[in-house]
Amino acid sequence: MALKKPTDACQTLAELTKRYPKAPAAVASRAAATRTQAKCAA
């Protein structure tokens, strides 16, 4: 979100969960928090 591009951030975060479904809990948690901050669609 530092780049002020929430659309790009949401797309990247969605791709993260698709590519790495077994990501560590800390990574998944941080991604979820960032999705909320960026107001990504569920």
PDB file of N, CA and C in Angstrom:
ATOM      1  N   MET A   1       0.811  -1.190   0.000  1.00  0.00           N
ATOM      2  CA  MET A   1       0.000   0.000   0.000  1.00  0.00           C
ATOM      3  C   MET A   1       0.857   1.257   0.000  1.00  0.00           C
ATOM      4  N   ALA A   2       2.127   1.109   0.191  1.00  0.00           N
ATOM      5  CA  ALA A   2       3.007   2.264   0.217  1.00  0.00           C
ATOM      6  C   ALA A   2       3.030   2.992  -1.131  1.00  0.00           C
ATOM      7  N   LEU A   3       2.723   2.269  -2.193  1.00  0.00           N
ATOM      8  CA  LEU A   3       2.742   2.884  -3.516  1.00  0.00           C
ATOM      9  C   LEU A   3       1.400   3.500  -3.907  1.00  0.00           C
ATOM     10  N   LYS A   4       0.419   3.376  -3.030  1.00  0.00           N
ATOM     11  CA  LYS A   4      -0.917   3.954  -3.261  1.00  0.00           C
ATOM     12  C   LYS A   4      -1.580   3.371  -4.508  1.00  0.00           C
ATOM     13  N   LYS A   5      -1.429   2.068  -4.702  1.00  0.00           N
ATOM     14  CA  LYS A   5      -2.058   1.381  -5.829  1.00  0.00           C
ATOM     15  C   LYS A   5      -2.839   0.189  -5.284  1.00  0.00           C
ATOM     16  N   PRO A   6      -3.996   0.433  -4.678  1.00  0.00           N
ATOM     17  CA  PRO A   6      -4.737  -0.660  -4.050  1.00  0.00           C
ATOM     18  C   PRO A   6      -5.192  -1.740  -5.030  1.00  0.00           C
ATOM     19  N   THR A   7      -5.489  -1.388  -6.258  1.00  0.00           N
ATOM     20  CA  THR A   7      -5.916  -2.386  -7.238  1.00  0.00           C
ATOM     21  C   THR A   7      -4.789  -3.378  -7.504  1.00  0.00           C
ATOM     22  N   ASP A   8      -3.590  -2.857  -7.711  1.00  0.00           N
ATOM     23  CA  ASP A   8      -2.435  -3.726  -7.933  1.00  0.00           C
ATOM     24  C   ASP A   8      -2.144  -4.571  -6.694  1.00  0.00           C
ATOM     25  N   ALA A   9      -2.272  -3.963  -5.534  1.00  0.00           N
ATOM     26  CA  ALA A   9      -2.031  -4.686  -4.286  1.00  0.00           C
ATOM     27  C   ALA A   9      -3.018  -5.843  -4.139  1.00  0.00           C
ATOM     28  N   CYS A  10      -4.266  -5.602  -4.424  1.00  0.00           N
ATOM     29  CA  CYS A  10      -5.282  -6.649  -4.305  1.00  0.00           C
ATOM     30  C   CYS A  10      -5.009  -7.799  -5.267  1.00  0.00           C
ATOM     31  N   GLN A  11      -4.614  -7.479  -6.485  1.00  0.00           N
ATOM     32  CA  GLN A  11      -4.301  -8.520  -7.459  1.00  0.00           C
ATOM     33  C   GLN A  11      -3.106  -9.347  -7.006  1.00  0.00           C
ATOM     34  N   THR A  12      -2.105  -8.691  -6.482  1.00  0.00           N
ATOM     35  CA  THR A  12      -0.905  -9.389  -6.016  1.00  0.00           C
ATOM     36  C   THR A  12      -1.223 -10.278  -4.826  1.00  0.00           C
ATOM     37  N   LEU A  13      -2.006  -9.773  -3.901  1.00  0.00           N
ATOM     38  CA  LEU A  13      -2.361 -10.558  -2.719  1.00  0.00           C
ATOM     39  C   LEU A  13      -3.216 -11.773  -3.100  1.00  0.00           C
ATOM     40  N   ALA A  14      -4.092 -11.613  -4.061  1.00  0.00           N
ATOM     41  CA  ALA A  14      -4.889 -12.744  -4.532  1.00  0.00           C
ATOM     42  C   ALA A  14      -3.992 -13.796  -5.175  1.00  0.00           C
ATOM     43  N   GLU A  15      -3.028 -13.352  -5.934  1.00  0.00           N
ATOM     44  CA  GLU A  15      -2.084 -14.268  -6.582  1.00  0.00           C
ATOM     45  C   GLU A  15      -1.234 -14.996  -5.542  1.00  0.00           C
ATOM     46  N   LEU A  16      -0.877 -14.316  -4.486  1.00  0.00           N
ATOM     47  CA  LEU A  16      -0.081 -14.918  -3.417  1.00  0.00           C
ATOM     48  C   LEU A  16      -0.789 -16.141  -2.837  1.00  0.00           C
ATOM     49  N   THR A  17      -2.075 -15.992  -2.535  1.00  0.00           N
ATOM     50  CA  THR A  17      -2.803 -17.118  -1.941  1.00  0.00           C
ATOM     51  C   THR A  17      -3.006 -18.257  -2.938  1.00  0.00           C
ATOM     52  N   LYS A  18      -3.065 -17.942  -4.224  1.00  0.00           N
ATOM     53  CA  LYS A  18      -3.209 -18.991  -5.244  1.00  0.00           C
ATOM     54  C   LYS A  18      -1.893 -19.751  -5.444  1.00  0.00           C
ATOM     55  N   ARG A  19      -0.797 -19.012  -5.516  1.00  0.00           N
ATOM     56  CA  ARG A  19       0.505 -19.639  -5.774  1.00  0.00           C
ATOM     57  C   ARG A  19       1.072 -20.362  -4.564  1.00  0.00           C
ATOM     58  N   TYR A  20       0.772 -19.839  -3.393  1.00  0.00           N
ATOM     59  CA  TYR A  20       1.356 -20.388  -2.168  1.00  0.00           C
ATOM     60  C   TYR A  20       0.284 -20.728  -1.138  1.00  0.00           C
ATOM     61  N   PRO A  21      -0.551 -21.725  -1.427  1.00  0.00           N
ATOM     62  CA  PRO A  21      -1.624 -22.066  -0.494  1.00  0.00           C
ATOM     63  C   PRO A  21      -1.114 -22.573   0.859  1.00  0.00           C
ATOM     64  N   LYS A  22       0.130 -23.043   0.890  1.00  0.00           N
ATOM     65  CA  LYS A  22       0.704 -23.544   2.144  1.00  0.00           C
ATOM     66  C   LYS A  22       1.693 -22.551   2.749  1.00  0.00           C
ATOM     67  N   ALA A  23       1.487 -21.281   2.492  1.00  0.00           N
ATOM     68  CA  ALA A  23       2.370 -20.260   3.051  1.00  0.00           C
ATOM     69  C   ALA A  23       2.289 -20.291   4.573  1.00  0.00           C
ATOM     70  N   PRO A  24       3.363 -19.921   5.236  1.00  0.00           N
ATOM     71  CA  PRO A  24       3.343 -19.896   6.697  1.00  0.00           C
ATOM     72  C   PRO A  24       2.213 -19.005   7.224  1.00  0.00           C
ATOM     73  N   ALA A  25       1.739 -19.327   8.409  1.00  0.00           N
ATOM     74  CA  ALA A  25       0.618 -18.592   9.002  1.00  0.00           C
ATOM     75  C   ALA A  25       0.907 -17.095   9.112  1.00  0.00           C
ATOM     76  N   ALA A  26       2.131 -16.740   9.418  1.00  0.00           N
ATOM     77  CA  ALA A  26       2.485 -15.324   9.547  1.00  0.00           C
ATOM     78  C   ALA A  26       2.311 -14.590   8.218  1.00  0.00           C
ATOM     79  N   VAL A  27       2.679 -15.243   7.129  1.00  0.00           N
ATOM     80  CA  VAL A  27       2.546 -14.634   5.803  1.00  0.00           C
ATOM     81  C   VAL A  27       1.068 -14.494   5.435  1.00  0.00           C
ATOM     82  N   ALA A  28       0.304 -15.544   5.658  1.00  0.00           N
ATOM     83  CA  ALA A  28      -1.126 -15.509   5.345  1.00  0.00           C
ATOM     84  C   ALA A  28      -1.840 -14.454   6.174  1.00  0.00           C
ATOM     85  N   SER A  29      -1.467 -14.343   7.436  1.00  0.00           N
ATOM     86  CA  SER A  29      -2.077 -13.354   8.320  1.00  0.00           C
ATOM     87  C   SER A  29      -1.765 -11.935   7.864  1.00  0.00           C
ATOM     88  N   ARG A  30      -0.526 -11.707   7.500  1.00  0.00           N
ATOM     89  CA  ARG A  30      -0.120 -10.378   7.032  1.00  0.00           C
ATOM     90  C   ARG A  30      -0.815 -10.035   5.715  1.00  0.00           C
ATOM     91  N   ALA A  31      -0.947 -11.016   4.843  1.00  0.00           N
ATOM     92  CA  ALA A  31      -1.645 -10.789   3.568  1.00  0.00           C
ATOM     93  C   ALA A  31      -3.107 -10.454   3.817  1.00  0.00           C
ATOM     94  N   ALA A  32      -3.739 -11.152   4.737  1.00  0.00           N
ATOM     95  CA  ALA A  32      -5.146 -10.883   5.064  1.00  0.00           C
ATOM     96  C   ALA A  32      -5.305  -9.472   5.636  1.00  0.00           C
ATOM     97  N   ALA A  33      -4.394  -9.080   6.493  1.00  0.00           N
ATOM     98  CA  ALA A  33      -4.459  -7.735   7.079  1.00  0.00           C
ATOM     99  C   ALA A  33      -4.267  -6.673   6.006  1.00  0.00           C
ATOM    100  N   THR A  34      -3.371  -6.927   5.074  1.00  0.00           N
ATOM    101  CA  THR A  34      -3.132  -5.962   4.002  1.00  0.00           C
ATOM    102  C   THR A  34      -4.329  -5.891   3.061  1.00  0.00           C
ATOM    103  N   ARG A  35      -4.971  -7.046   2.804  1.00  0.00           N
ATOM    104  CA  ARG A  35      -6.192  -7.034   1.978  1.00  0.00           C
ATOM    105  C   ARG A  35      -7.267  -6.177   2.628  1.00  0.00           C
ATOM    106  N   THR A  36      -7.402  -6.281   3.938  1.00  0.00           N
ATOM    107  CA  THR A  36      -8.386  -5.474   4.651  1.00  0.00           C
ATOM    108  C   THR A  36      -8.038  -3.997   4.561  1.00  0.00           C
ATOM    109  N   GLN A  37      -6.769  -3.684   4.760  1.00  0.00           N
ATOM    110  CA  GLN A  37      -6.305  -2.294   4.691  1.00  0.00           C
ATOM    111  C   GLN A  37      -6.532  -1.708   3.303  1.00  0.00           C
ATOM    112  N   ALA A  38      -6.324  -2.521   2.264  1.00  0.00           N
ATOM    113  CA  ALA A  38      -6.480  -2.053   0.883  1.00  0.00           C
ATOM    114  C   ALA A  38      -7.945  -2.078   0.440  1.00  0.00           C
ATOM    115  N   LYS A  39      -8.806  -2.604   1.301  1.00  0.00           N
ATOM    116  CA  LYS A  39     -10.250  -2.705   1.004  1.00  0.00           C
ATOM    117  C   LYS A  39     -10.496  -3.548  -0.248  1.00  0.00           C
ATOM    118  N   CYS A  40      -9.788  -4.676  -0.310  1.00  0.00           N
ATOM    119  CA  CYS A  40      -9.961  -5.595  -1.431  1.00  0.00           C
ATOM    120  C   CYS A  40     -11.307  -6.295  -1.308  1.00  0.00           C
ATOM    121  N   ALA A  41     -11.861  -6.685  -2.433  1.00  0.00           N
ATOM    122  CA  ALA A  41     -13.094  -7.464  -2.438  1.00  0.00           C
ATOM    123  C   ALA A  41     -12.814  -8.838  -1.841  1.00  0.00           C
ATOM    124  N   ALA A  42     -13.791  -9.402  -1.205  1.00  0.00           N
ATOM    125  CA  ALA A  42     -13.630 -10.723  -0.583  1.00  0.00           C
ATOM    126  C   ALA A  42     -13.471 -11.743  -1.633  1.00  0.00           C
TER     127      ALA A  42
END
